[in-house]
Amino acid sequence: HMDSHWEFKTGTEVRTAVNVTRSGVLEAFDIVDGVVIQPGTYDHSEVQLVFFTDQSKPLNFSMNLIAGGRFGGDRVFFEPTIGYRIGETFRSELSFNYNDFDLPVPNGQFTANLARLRLSYSFTPKIQLEALLQYNETDDTIGTNIRFSWLESANSGFYLVYNEVDVRAAGAPPTGREFILKYSHIFDVFNE
């Protein structure tokens, strides 16, 4: 990984990088229906451009672009994100994840897109409600994750989580649901 960062007084930042990657595949797998990645070692390089505006501003923008090799072929990854917040209580983020693959296998040219919306509201510094909605175009699925947390300290406290997956796209009844109730507490055996 070789990179350069340019930071401006406005809070805008631009990063460029060249990444050298090695991926080892032990067993063949379908990356998408009908496209099989074979076992082997895949050595590639890629270039990356990251841009983001001042993240402390109420309205901000970021962009990540990667172009290079993947699984013996080529991949272009592009992810623009727009964020908006109101004070310290409400945050939102909308992003689109675009992957364009051109692999040297049958049907190896395809795109995989993912749209994501994150919402977060902090009632107090320790009580928060978060939601993640995600649409996977390749599988035509919608996923929902809603989490309520009431923390005692960092990563310890009460969590109530709801997950839902709809594999038949918008408007159909969900095919998978789960509620998770979790309580965690950190014990310091040396100070108690």
N, C-alpha and C. Protein backbone atom coordinates (compact mmCIF):
# COMPACT_ATOMS: atom_id res chain seq x y z
N HIS A 1 0.85 -1.17 0.00
CA HIS A 1 0.00 0.00 0.00
C HIS A 1 0.90 1.23 0.00
N MET A 2 0.76 2.07 -1.02
CA MET A 2 1.50 3.33 -1.11
C MET A 2 0.48 4.43 -1.29
N ASP A 3 0.51 5.45 -0.41
CA ASP A 3 -0.52 6.48 -0.51
C ASP A 3 0.02 7.87 -0.26
N SER A 4 -0.79 8.84 -0.66
CA SER A 4 -0.53 10.26 -0.41
C SER A 4 -1.82 10.90 0.05
N HIS A 5 -1.70 11.82 1.01
CA HIS A 5 -2.87 12.53 1.54
C HIS A 5 -2.67 14.02 1.35
N TRP A 6 -3.71 14.68 0.88
CA TRP A 6 -3.70 16.14 0.78
C TRP A 6 -4.84 16.66 1.64
N GLU A 7 -4.51 17.40 2.68
CA GLU A 7 -5.51 17.98 3.57
C GLU A 7 -5.53 19.49 3.38
N PHE A 8 -6.74 20.03 3.22
CA PHE A 8 -6.89 21.46 2.98
C PHE A 8 -7.48 22.15 4.21
N LYS A 9 -7.25 23.44 4.33
CA LYS A 9 -7.75 24.20 5.48
C LYS A 9 -9.26 24.17 5.58
N THR A 10 -9.94 23.93 4.47
CA THR A 10 -11.41 23.87 4.47
C THR A 10 -11.95 22.58 5.10
N GLY A 11 -11.06 21.62 5.39
CA GLY A 11 -11.49 20.33 5.92
C GLY A 11 -11.63 19.28 4.83
N THR A 12 -11.49 19.68 3.58
CA THR A 12 -11.54 18.74 2.47
C THR A 12 -10.25 17.93 2.44
N GLU A 13 -10.37 16.67 2.08
CA GLU A 13 -9.19 15.81 2.00
C GLU A 13 -9.25 14.96 0.73
N VAL A 14 -8.10 14.78 0.09
CA VAL A 14 -7.97 13.93 -1.08
C VAL A 14 -6.85 12.93 -0.79
N ARG A 15 -7.13 11.66 -1.07
CA ARG A 15 -6.13 10.61 -0.86
C ARG A 15 -5.99 9.82 -2.15
N THR A 16 -4.77 9.50 -2.50
CA THR A 16 -4.51 8.63 -3.65
C THR A 16 -3.66 7.47 -3.15
N ALA A 17 -3.84 6.31 -3.77
CA ALA A 17 -3.10 5.13 -3.32
C ALA A 17 -2.93 4.14 -4.45
N VAL A 18 -1.90 3.33 -4.31
CA VAL A 18 -1.70 2.15 -5.13
C VAL A 18 -1.63 0.98 -4.16
N ASN A 19 -2.48 -0.02 -4.37
CA ASN A 19 -2.52 -1.20 -3.50
C ASN A 19 -2.07 -2.42 -4.28
N VAL A 20 -1.25 -3.23 -3.68
CA VAL A 20 -0.84 -4.51 -4.25
C VAL A 20 -1.51 -5.58 -3.39
N THR A 21 -2.31 -6.43 -4.03
CA THR A 21 -3.11 -7.39 -3.28
C THR A 21 -2.79 -8.83 -3.67
N ARG A 22 -3.03 -9.74 -2.74
CA ARG A 22 -2.94 -11.18 -3.00
C ARG A 22 -4.14 -11.83 -2.33
N SER A 23 -4.94 -12.53 -3.12
CA SER A 23 -6.11 -13.24 -2.60
C SER A 23 -5.92 -14.72 -2.81
N GLY A 24 -6.14 -15.50 -1.77
CA GLY A 24 -6.05 -16.95 -1.88
C GLY A 24 -7.43 -17.56 -1.76
N VAL A 25 -7.83 -18.34 -2.75
CA VAL A 25 -9.13 -19.00 -2.74
C VAL A 25 -8.88 -20.50 -2.59
N LEU A 26 -9.41 -21.10 -1.51
CA LEU A 26 -9.19 -22.52 -1.23
C LEU A 26 -10.22 -23.41 -1.91
N GLU A 27 -11.47 -22.96 -2.00
CA GLU A 27 -12.52 -23.73 -2.64
C GLU A 27 -13.28 -22.85 -3.61
N ALA A 28 -13.71 -23.44 -4.72
CA ALA A 28 -14.48 -22.69 -5.72
C ALA A 28 -15.76 -22.16 -5.08
N PHE A 29 -16.17 -20.94 -5.49
CA PHE A 29 -17.41 -20.37 -4.99
C PHE A 29 -18.06 -19.52 -6.06
N ASP A 30 -19.38 -19.36 -5.95
CA ASP A 30 -20.14 -18.49 -6.85
C ASP A 30 -20.07 -17.07 -6.32
N ILE A 31 -19.45 -16.17 -7.08
CA ILE A 31 -19.42 -14.77 -6.67
C ILE A 31 -20.79 -14.13 -6.93
N VAL A 32 -21.45 -14.54 -8.00
CA VAL A 32 -22.87 -14.29 -8.27
C VAL A 32 -23.37 -15.55 -8.96
N ASP A 33 -24.68 -15.68 -9.10
CA ASP A 33 -25.23 -16.88 -9.75
C ASP A 33 -24.61 -17.08 -11.13
N GLY A 34 -24.05 -18.28 -11.35
CA GLY A 34 -23.51 -18.63 -12.66
C GLY A 34 -22.08 -18.18 -12.91
N VAL A 35 -21.44 -17.51 -11.95
CA VAL A 35 -20.05 -17.06 -12.12
C VAL A 35 -19.22 -17.67 -10.99
N VAL A 36 -18.36 -18.63 -11.35
CA VAL A 36 -17.60 -19.39 -10.37
C VAL A 36 -16.15 -18.91 -10.32
N ILE A 37 -15.69 -18.60 -9.11
CA ILE A 37 -14.28 -18.27 -8.89
C ILE A 37 -13.57 -19.56 -8.50
N GLN A 38 -12.52 -19.90 -9.24
CA GLN A 38 -11.79 -21.15 -9.02
C GLN A 38 -10.72 -20.98 -7.94
N PRO A 39 -10.35 -22.08 -7.27
CA PRO A 39 -9.28 -22.02 -6.28
C PRO A 39 -7.98 -21.55 -6.93
N GLY A 40 -7.18 -20.86 -6.15
CA GLY A 40 -5.90 -20.38 -6.65
C GLY A 40 -5.46 -19.13 -5.90
N THR A 41 -4.33 -18.61 -6.32
CA THR A 41 -3.79 -17.38 -5.76
C THR A 41 -3.90 -16.30 -6.82
N TYR A 42 -4.44 -15.17 -6.43
CA TYR A 42 -4.67 -14.07 -7.37
C TYR A 42 -3.88 -12.85 -6.91
N ASP A 43 -2.88 -12.48 -7.70
CA ASP A 43 -2.05 -11.30 -7.42
C ASP A 43 -2.47 -10.16 -8.33
N HIS A 44 -2.72 -9.00 -7.75
CA HIS A 44 -3.18 -7.85 -8.53
C HIS A 44 -2.65 -6.56 -7.94
N SER A 45 -2.87 -5.50 -8.70
CA SER A 45 -2.63 -4.15 -8.19
C SER A 45 -3.85 -3.31 -8.55
N GLU A 46 -4.04 -2.23 -7.79
CA GLU A 46 -5.18 -1.35 -8.03
C GLU A 46 -4.80 0.06 -7.63
N VAL A 47 -5.49 1.03 -8.23
CA VAL A 47 -5.32 2.43 -7.83
C VAL A 47 -6.58 2.86 -7.11
N GLN A 48 -6.40 3.80 -6.19
CA GLN A 48 -7.53 4.25 -5.37
C GLN A 48 -7.50 5.76 -5.24
N LEU A 49 -8.70 6.36 -5.31
CA LEU A 49 -8.87 7.79 -5.10
C LEU A 49 -9.99 7.97 -4.08
N VAL A 50 -9.69 8.67 -2.99
CA VAL A 50 -10.68 8.95 -1.95
C VAL A 50 -10.78 10.46 -1.81
N PHE A 51 -12.00 10.96 -1.74
CA PHE A 51 -12.24 12.39 -1.59
C PHE A 51 -13.34 12.58 -0.57
N PHE A 52 -13.15 13.50 0.36
CA PHE A 52 -14.27 13.85 1.24
C PHE A 52 -14.17 15.29 1.68
N THR A 53 -15.35 15.87 1.87
CA THR A 53 -15.44 17.25 2.34
C THR A 53 -15.37 17.24 3.87
N ASP A 54 -15.41 18.40 4.48
CA ASP A 54 -15.30 18.55 5.92
C ASP A 54 -16.41 17.75 6.62
N GLN A 55 -16.02 16.68 7.33
CA GLN A 55 -16.98 15.79 7.97
C GLN A 55 -17.64 16.43 9.20
N SER A 56 -17.11 17.57 9.69
CA SER A 56 -17.73 18.23 10.83
C SER A 56 -18.88 19.15 10.41
N LYS A 57 -19.03 19.38 9.13
CA LYS A 57 -20.13 20.22 8.63
C LYS A 57 -21.45 19.42 8.64
N PRO A 58 -22.58 20.12 8.76
CA PRO A 58 -23.86 19.41 8.75
C PRO A 58 -24.10 18.61 7.46
N LEU A 59 -23.68 19.13 6.33
CA LEU A 59 -23.82 18.43 5.06
C LEU A 59 -22.43 18.11 4.54
N ASN A 60 -22.16 16.83 4.27
CA ASN A 60 -20.84 16.44 3.80
C ASN A 60 -20.96 15.38 2.71
N PHE A 61 -19.89 15.21 1.98
CA PHE A 61 -19.86 14.30 0.84
C PHE A 61 -18.54 13.55 0.84
N SER A 62 -18.58 12.29 0.45
CA SER A 62 -17.34 11.53 0.27
C SER A 62 -17.48 10.64 -0.96
N MET A 63 -16.34 10.22 -1.48
CA MET A 63 -16.33 9.38 -2.67
C MET A 63 -15.10 8.48 -2.60
N ASN A 64 -15.29 7.21 -2.92
CA ASN A 64 -14.19 6.25 -2.96
C ASN A 64 -14.23 5.56 -4.32
N LEU A 65 -13.11 5.58 -5.02
CA LEU A 65 -13.01 4.96 -6.35
C LEU A 65 -11.79 4.04 -6.36
N ILE A 66 -11.99 2.79 -6.77
CA ILE A 66 -10.91 1.82 -6.88
C ILE A 66 -11.00 1.17 -8.25
N ALA A 67 -9.88 1.07 -8.95
CA ALA A 67 -9.83 0.39 -10.25
C ALA A 67 -8.60 -0.50 -10.27
N GLY A 68 -8.81 -1.76 -10.64
CA GLY A 68 -7.67 -2.68 -10.69
C GLY A 68 -8.11 -4.10 -10.88
N GLY A 69 -7.23 -5.03 -10.54
CA GLY A 69 -7.49 -6.44 -10.75
C GLY A 69 -8.23 -7.10 -9.61
N ARG A 70 -8.97 -8.16 -9.97
CA ARG A 70 -9.68 -8.95 -8.96
C ARG A 70 -9.97 -10.32 -9.55
N PHE A 71 -9.58 -11.38 -8.87
CA PHE A 71 -9.83 -12.77 -9.26
C PHE A 71 -9.46 -13.05 -10.72
N GLY A 72 -8.32 -12.55 -11.15
CA GLY A 72 -7.84 -12.80 -12.50
C GLY A 72 -8.42 -11.89 -13.57
N GLY A 73 -9.28 -10.98 -13.19
CA GLY A 73 -9.90 -10.04 -14.13
C GLY A 73 -9.77 -8.62 -13.61
N ASP A 74 -10.73 -7.81 -13.97
CA ASP A 74 -10.72 -6.39 -13.59
C ASP A 74 -11.97 -6.04 -12.80
N ARG A 75 -11.81 -5.04 -11.93
CA ARG A 75 -12.95 -4.54 -11.16
C ARG A 75 -12.83 -3.04 -11.02
N VAL A 76 -13.98 -2.36 -11.15
CA VAL A 76 -14.08 -0.93 -10.84
C VAL A 76 -15.10 -0.80 -9.71
N PHE A 77 -14.68 -0.17 -8.62
CA PHE A 77 -15.53 0.05 -7.46
C PHE A 77 -15.72 1.55 -7.29
N PHE A 78 -16.96 1.97 -7.10
CA PHE A 78 -17.27 3.39 -6.93
C PHE A 78 -18.31 3.53 -5.84
N GLU A 79 -18.03 4.36 -4.84
CA GLU A 79 -18.98 4.54 -3.74
C GLU A 79 -19.08 6.01 -3.34
N PRO A 80 -20.10 6.71 -3.85
CA PRO A 80 -20.37 8.07 -3.37
C PRO A 80 -21.26 8.00 -2.12
N THR A 81 -21.04 8.92 -1.19
CA THR A 81 -21.81 8.97 0.05
C THR A 81 -22.13 10.42 0.38
N ILE A 82 -23.36 10.66 0.81
CA ILE A 82 -23.74 11.99 1.27
C ILE A 82 -24.24 11.84 2.70
N GLY A 83 -23.76 12.73 3.57
CA GLY A 83 -24.15 12.68 4.97
C GLY A 83 -24.78 13.99 5.40
N TYR A 84 -25.71 13.89 6.34
CA TYR A 84 -26.35 15.08 6.88
C TYR A 84 -26.59 14.86 8.36
N ARG A 85 -26.31 15.87 9.17
CA ARG A 85 -26.57 15.76 10.60
C ARG A 85 -27.17 17.05 11.13
N ILE A 86 -27.90 16.90 12.22
CA ILE A 86 -28.47 18.05 12.92
C ILE A 86 -27.89 18.02 14.32
N GLY A 87 -27.02 18.95 14.61
CA GLY A 87 -26.37 19.00 15.91
C GLY A 87 -25.67 17.71 16.24
N GLU A 88 -25.75 17.33 17.52
CA GLU A 88 -25.13 16.09 17.97
C GLU A 88 -26.14 14.96 18.13
N THR A 89 -27.41 15.23 17.74
CA THR A 89 -28.44 14.22 17.99
C THR A 89 -28.82 13.38 16.77
N PHE A 90 -28.90 13.96 15.59
CA PHE A 90 -29.39 13.23 14.41
C PHE A 90 -28.31 13.18 13.34
N ARG A 91 -28.09 11.96 12.82
CA ARG A 91 -27.15 11.76 11.71
C ARG A 91 -27.80 10.87 10.66
N SER A 92 -27.51 11.17 9.40
CA SER A 92 -27.99 10.32 8.32
C SER A 92 -26.90 10.20 7.27
N GLU A 93 -26.96 9.09 6.54
CA GLU A 93 -25.95 8.84 5.51
C GLU A 93 -26.59 7.99 4.41
N LEU A 94 -26.45 8.42 3.18
CA LEU A 94 -26.96 7.70 2.03
C LEU A 94 -25.78 7.39 1.12
N SER A 95 -25.62 6.10 0.78
CA SER A 95 -24.49 5.73 -0.08
C SER A 95 -24.94 4.73 -1.14
N PHE A 96 -24.17 4.68 -2.20
CA PHE A 96 -24.41 3.74 -3.29
C PHE A 96 -23.09 3.05 -3.60
N ASN A 97 -23.09 1.74 -3.55
CA ASN A 97 -21.89 0.95 -3.75
C ASN A 97 -22.00 0.25 -5.11
N TYR A 98 -21.14 0.62 -6.06
CA TYR A 98 -21.17 0.09 -7.43
C TYR A 98 -19.91 -0.73 -7.67
N ASN A 99 -20.06 -1.98 -8.08
CA ASN A 99 -18.95 -2.85 -8.45
C ASN A 99 -19.16 -3.34 -9.87
N ASP A 100 -18.20 -3.11 -10.75
CA ASP A 100 -18.27 -3.58 -12.13
C ASP A 100 -17.13 -4.58 -12.33
N PHE A 101 -17.47 -5.85 -12.54
CA PHE A 101 -16.49 -6.92 -12.70
C PHE A 101 -16.38 -7.33 -14.16
N ASP A 102 -15.17 -7.67 -14.58
CA ASP A 102 -14.92 -8.27 -15.89
C ASP A 102 -13.91 -9.38 -15.66
N LEU A 103 -14.42 -10.60 -15.41
CA LEU A 103 -13.59 -11.74 -15.05
C LEU A 103 -13.42 -12.68 -16.23
N PRO A 104 -12.28 -13.37 -16.32
CA PRO A 104 -12.02 -14.26 -17.46
C PRO A 104 -12.66 -15.65 -17.29
N VAL A 105 -13.95 -15.66 -16.98
CA VAL A 105 -14.71 -16.90 -16.84
C VAL A 105 -16.03 -16.70 -17.58
N PRO A 106 -16.74 -17.79 -17.88
CA PRO A 106 -18.04 -17.62 -18.54
C PRO A 106 -18.97 -16.71 -17.72
N ASN A 107 -19.65 -15.80 -18.39
CA ASN A 107 -20.56 -14.83 -17.75
C ASN A 107 -19.85 -13.96 -16.72
N GLY A 108 -18.55 -13.74 -16.91
CA GLY A 108 -17.75 -13.02 -15.93
C GLY A 108 -17.88 -11.52 -15.94
N GLN A 109 -18.70 -10.98 -16.83
CA GLN A 109 -18.91 -9.53 -16.84
C GLN A 109 -20.26 -9.25 -16.20
N PHE A 110 -20.24 -8.56 -15.04
CA PHE A 110 -21.47 -8.26 -14.30
C PHE A 110 -21.23 -7.08 -13.38
N THR A 111 -22.32 -6.52 -12.90
CA THR A 111 -22.24 -5.45 -11.90
C THR A 111 -22.96 -5.91 -10.64
N ALA A 112 -22.49 -5.42 -9.50
CA ALA A 112 -23.11 -5.72 -8.21
C ALA A 112 -23.30 -4.39 -7.50
N ASN A 113 -24.54 -4.01 -7.27
CA ASN A 113 -24.85 -2.70 -6.68
C ASN A 113 -25.54 -2.87 -5.33
N LEU A 114 -25.23 -1.94 -4.43
CA LEU A 114 -25.80 -1.95 -3.09
C LEU A 114 -26.11 -0.52 -2.69
N ALA A 115 -27.35 -0.24 -2.32
CA ALA A 115 -27.74 1.09 -1.83
C ALA A 115 -27.96 0.97 -0.33
N ARG A 116 -27.49 2.00 0.42
CA ARG A 116 -27.54 1.93 1.87
C ARG A 116 -27.97 3.27 2.46
N LEU A 117 -28.89 3.20 3.44
CA LEU A 117 -29.33 4.39 4.18
C LEU A 117 -29.14 4.11 5.67
N ARG A 118 -28.39 4.98 6.35
CA ARG A 118 -28.17 4.88 7.79
C ARG A 118 -28.80 6.10 8.46
N LEU A 119 -29.53 5.85 9.54
CA LEU A 119 -30.12 6.91 10.34
C LEU A 119 -29.78 6.66 11.80
N SER A 120 -29.49 7.73 12.52
CA SER A 120 -29.13 7.59 13.93
C SER A 120 -29.65 8.78 14.71
N TYR A 121 -30.28 8.49 15.86
CA TYR A 121 -30.75 9.55 16.74
C TYR A 121 -30.28 9.27 18.16
N SER A 122 -29.61 10.24 18.77
CA SER A 122 -29.12 10.11 20.13
C SER A 122 -30.03 10.89 21.07
N PHE A 123 -30.74 10.18 21.94
CA PHE A 123 -31.58 10.82 22.94
C PHE A 123 -30.72 11.47 24.01
N THR A 124 -29.66 10.77 24.40
CA THR A 124 -28.63 11.26 25.33
C THR A 124 -27.31 10.69 24.81
N PRO A 125 -26.18 11.07 25.37
CA PRO A 125 -24.92 10.45 24.92
C PRO A 125 -24.88 8.93 25.10
N LYS A 126 -25.74 8.37 25.96
CA LYS A 126 -25.71 6.93 26.21
C LYS A 126 -26.92 6.18 25.68
N ILE A 127 -27.94 6.89 25.19
CA ILE A 127 -29.14 6.24 24.67
C ILE A 127 -29.30 6.62 23.20
N GLN A 128 -29.34 5.59 22.34
CA GLN A 128 -29.32 5.85 20.90
C GLN A 128 -30.22 4.86 20.15
N LEU A 129 -30.83 5.34 19.07
CA LEU A 129 -31.61 4.51 18.16
C LEU A 129 -30.98 4.63 16.78
N GLU A 130 -30.66 3.48 16.17
CA GLU A 130 -30.02 3.47 14.85
C GLU A 130 -30.79 2.57 13.91
N ALA A 131 -30.80 2.93 12.63
CA ALA A 131 -31.45 2.10 11.61
C ALA A 131 -30.55 2.03 10.38
N LEU A 132 -30.49 0.85 9.79
CA LEU A 132 -29.76 0.61 8.55
C LEU A 132 -30.70 -0.08 7.59
N LEU A 133 -30.93 0.53 6.42
CA LEU A 133 -31.74 -0.07 5.36
C LEU A 133 -30.81 -0.27 4.17
N GLN A 134 -30.90 -1.45 3.56
CA GLN A 134 -29.95 -1.77 2.51
C GLN A 134 -30.66 -2.55 1.40
N TYR A 135 -30.39 -2.15 0.16
CA TYR A 135 -30.96 -2.85 -0.99
C TYR A 135 -29.83 -3.44 -1.82
N ASN A 136 -29.85 -4.76 -2.01
CA ASN A 136 -28.86 -5.48 -2.80
C ASN A 136 -29.50 -5.80 -4.15
N GLU A 137 -29.04 -5.11 -5.19
CA GLU A 137 -29.63 -5.29 -6.51
C GLU A 137 -29.36 -6.67 -7.09
N THR A 138 -28.20 -7.23 -6.82
CA THR A 138 -27.83 -8.54 -7.37
C THR A 138 -28.79 -9.62 -6.90
N ASP A 139 -29.09 -9.63 -5.61
CA ASP A 139 -29.99 -10.65 -5.04
C ASP A 139 -31.43 -10.16 -4.95
N ASP A 140 -31.68 -8.89 -5.29
CA ASP A 140 -32.99 -8.28 -5.18
C ASP A 140 -33.55 -8.44 -3.77
N THR A 141 -32.72 -8.08 -2.78
CA THR A 141 -33.12 -8.20 -1.38
C THR A 141 -33.06 -6.85 -0.68
N ILE A 142 -33.91 -6.70 0.30
CA ILE A 142 -33.91 -5.53 1.16
C ILE A 142 -33.65 -6.01 2.58
N GLY A 143 -32.67 -5.42 3.22
CA GLY A 143 -32.35 -5.77 4.60
C GLY A 143 -32.58 -4.57 5.51
N THR A 144 -33.09 -4.84 6.70
CA THR A 144 -33.35 -3.80 7.68
C THR A 144 -32.72 -4.20 9.00
N ASN A 145 -32.04 -3.28 9.63
CA ASN A 145 -31.46 -3.50 10.95
C ASN A 145 -31.80 -2.27 11.79
N ILE A 146 -32.48 -2.49 12.91
CA ILE A 146 -32.82 -1.40 13.84
C ILE A 146 -32.25 -1.77 15.19
N ARG A 147 -31.49 -0.85 15.79
CA ARG A 147 -30.84 -1.14 17.06
C ARG A 147 -31.08 -0.01 18.06
N PHE A 148 -31.57 -0.40 19.23
CA PHE A 148 -31.70 0.54 20.35
C PHE A 148 -30.64 0.16 21.37
N SER A 149 -29.86 1.14 21.81
CA SER A 149 -28.82 0.86 22.79
C SER A 149 -28.90 1.83 23.96
N TRP A 150 -28.68 1.28 25.15
CA TRP A 150 -28.64 2.07 26.39
C TRP A 150 -27.36 1.63 27.09
N LEU A 151 -26.33 2.44 26.93
CA LEU A 151 -25.00 2.03 27.36
C LEU A 151 -24.67 2.51 28.78
N GLU A 152 -23.91 1.68 29.48
CA GLU A 152 -23.34 2.07 30.76
C GLU A 152 -21.98 2.73 30.53
N SER A 153 -21.22 2.12 29.63
CA SER A 153 -19.92 2.64 29.21
C SER A 153 -19.71 2.17 27.77
N ALA A 154 -18.56 2.45 27.21
CA ALA A 154 -18.31 2.06 25.82
C ALA A 154 -18.52 0.56 25.63
N ASN A 155 -19.43 0.19 24.74
CA ASN A 155 -19.72 -1.19 24.35
C ASN A 155 -20.26 -2.08 25.46
N SER A 156 -20.71 -1.51 26.57
CA SER A 156 -21.37 -2.34 27.58
C SER A 156 -22.69 -1.68 27.93
N GLY A 157 -23.71 -2.51 28.05
CA GLY A 157 -25.04 -2.00 28.35
C GLY A 157 -26.10 -2.88 27.72
N PHE A 158 -27.26 -2.30 27.47
CA PHE A 158 -28.44 -3.00 26.98
C PHE A 158 -28.63 -2.71 25.50
N TYR A 159 -28.91 -3.77 24.71
CA TYR A 159 -29.15 -3.63 23.28
C TYR A 159 -30.43 -4.38 22.92
N LEU A 160 -31.26 -3.77 22.11
CA LEU A 160 -32.42 -4.43 21.52
C LEU A 160 -32.28 -4.24 20.01
N VAL A 161 -32.22 -5.37 19.27
CA VAL A 161 -31.95 -5.33 17.83
C VAL A 161 -33.06 -6.06 17.09
N TYR A 162 -33.48 -5.48 15.96
CA TYR A 162 -34.45 -6.11 15.07
C TYR A 162 -33.82 -6.20 13.69
N ASN A 163 -33.79 -7.40 13.12
CA ASN A 163 -33.27 -7.63 11.76
C ASN A 163 -34.37 -8.23 10.90
N GLU A 164 -34.42 -7.79 9.66
CA GLU A 164 -35.41 -8.31 8.72
C GLU A 164 -34.79 -8.37 7.34
N VAL A 165 -35.06 -9.47 6.62
CA VAL A 165 -34.59 -9.62 5.25
C VAL A 165 -35.78 -9.94 4.37
N ASP A 166 -35.90 -9.23 3.28
CA ASP A 166 -36.98 -9.46 2.31
C ASP A 166 -36.33 -9.84 0.99
N VAL A 167 -36.37 -11.13 0.65
CA VAL A 167 -35.71 -11.58 -0.57
C VAL A 167 -36.59 -11.46 -1.80
N ARG A 168 -37.78 -10.91 -1.65
CA ARG A 168 -38.66 -10.73 -2.81
C ARG A 168 -38.86 -9.27 -3.13
N ALA A 169 -37.97 -8.43 -2.67
CA ALA A 169 -37.97 -6.98 -2.93
C ALA A 169 -39.08 -6.26 -2.19
N ALA A 170 -39.18 -4.98 -2.47
CA ALA A 170 -40.08 -4.09 -1.71
C ALA A 170 -41.54 -4.50 -1.87
N GLY A 171 -42.28 -4.35 -0.77
CA GLY A 171 -43.71 -4.59 -0.82
C GLY A 171 -44.15 -5.98 -0.43
N ALA A 172 -43.25 -6.97 -0.50
CA ALA A 172 -43.61 -8.34 -0.14
C ALA A 172 -43.38 -8.55 1.35
N PRO A 173 -44.08 -9.52 1.96
CA PRO A 173 -43.83 -9.81 3.37
C PRO A 173 -42.39 -10.28 3.56
N PRO A 174 -41.77 -9.96 4.69
CA PRO A 174 -40.38 -10.36 4.92
C PRO A 174 -40.26 -11.87 5.03
N THR A 175 -39.12 -12.40 4.62
CA THR A 175 -38.88 -13.84 4.68
C THR A 175 -38.02 -14.23 5.87
N GLY A 176 -37.40 -13.29 6.53
CA GLY A 176 -36.59 -13.59 7.70
C GLY A 176 -36.65 -12.45 8.69
N ARG A 177 -36.94 -12.79 9.97
CA ARG A 177 -37.02 -11.79 11.02
C ARG A 177 -36.35 -12.33 12.26
N GLU A 178 -35.72 -11.43 13.02
CA GLU A 178 -35.19 -11.84 14.31
C GLU A 178 -35.13 -10.65 15.25
N PHE A 179 -35.41 -10.92 16.52
CA PHE A 179 -35.23 -9.96 17.59
C PHE A 179 -34.08 -10.45 18.45
N ILE A 180 -33.22 -9.55 18.84
CA ILE A 180 -32.09 -9.91 19.69
C ILE A 180 -32.11 -8.98 20.89
N LEU A 181 -32.04 -9.56 22.06
CA LEU A 181 -31.95 -8.81 23.30
C LEU A 181 -30.61 -9.16 23.93
N LYS A 182 -29.81 -8.15 24.22
CA LYS A 182 -28.46 -8.42 24.70
C LYS A 182 -28.11 -7.44 25.82
N TYR A 183 -27.48 -7.97 26.84
CA TYR A 183 -26.95 -7.11 27.90
C TYR A 183 -25.50 -7.52 28.13
N SER A 184 -24.61 -6.57 28.13
CA SER A 184 -23.20 -6.87 28.40
C SER A 184 -22.70 -5.96 29.51
N HIS A 185 -21.80 -6.50 30.29
CA HIS A 185 -21.21 -5.73 31.38
C HIS A 185 -19.73 -6.08 31.45
N ILE A 186 -18.91 -5.09 31.65
CA ILE A 186 -17.46 -5.30 31.74
C ILE A 186 -17.08 -5.32 33.21
N PHE A 187 -16.45 -6.41 33.63
CA PHE A 187 -15.98 -6.53 35.00
C PHE A 187 -14.48 -6.28 35.03
N ASP A 188 -14.06 -5.46 35.96
CA ASP A 188 -12.64 -5.24 36.18
C ASP A 188 -12.28 -5.94 37.48
N VAL A 189 -11.80 -7.16 37.37
CA VAL A 189 -11.55 -7.98 38.55
C VAL A 189 -10.43 -7.43 39.45
N PHE A 190 -9.61 -6.56 38.91
CA PHE A 190 -8.51 -6.03 39.69
C PHE A 190 -8.91 -4.79 40.50
N ASN A 191 -10.03 -4.14 40.12
CA ASN A 191 -10.45 -2.93 40.83
C ASN A 191 -11.78 -3.09 41.55
N GLU A 192 -12.33 -4.28 41.61
CA GLU A 192 -13.62 -4.47 42.29
C GLU A 192 -13.45 -5.25 43.55
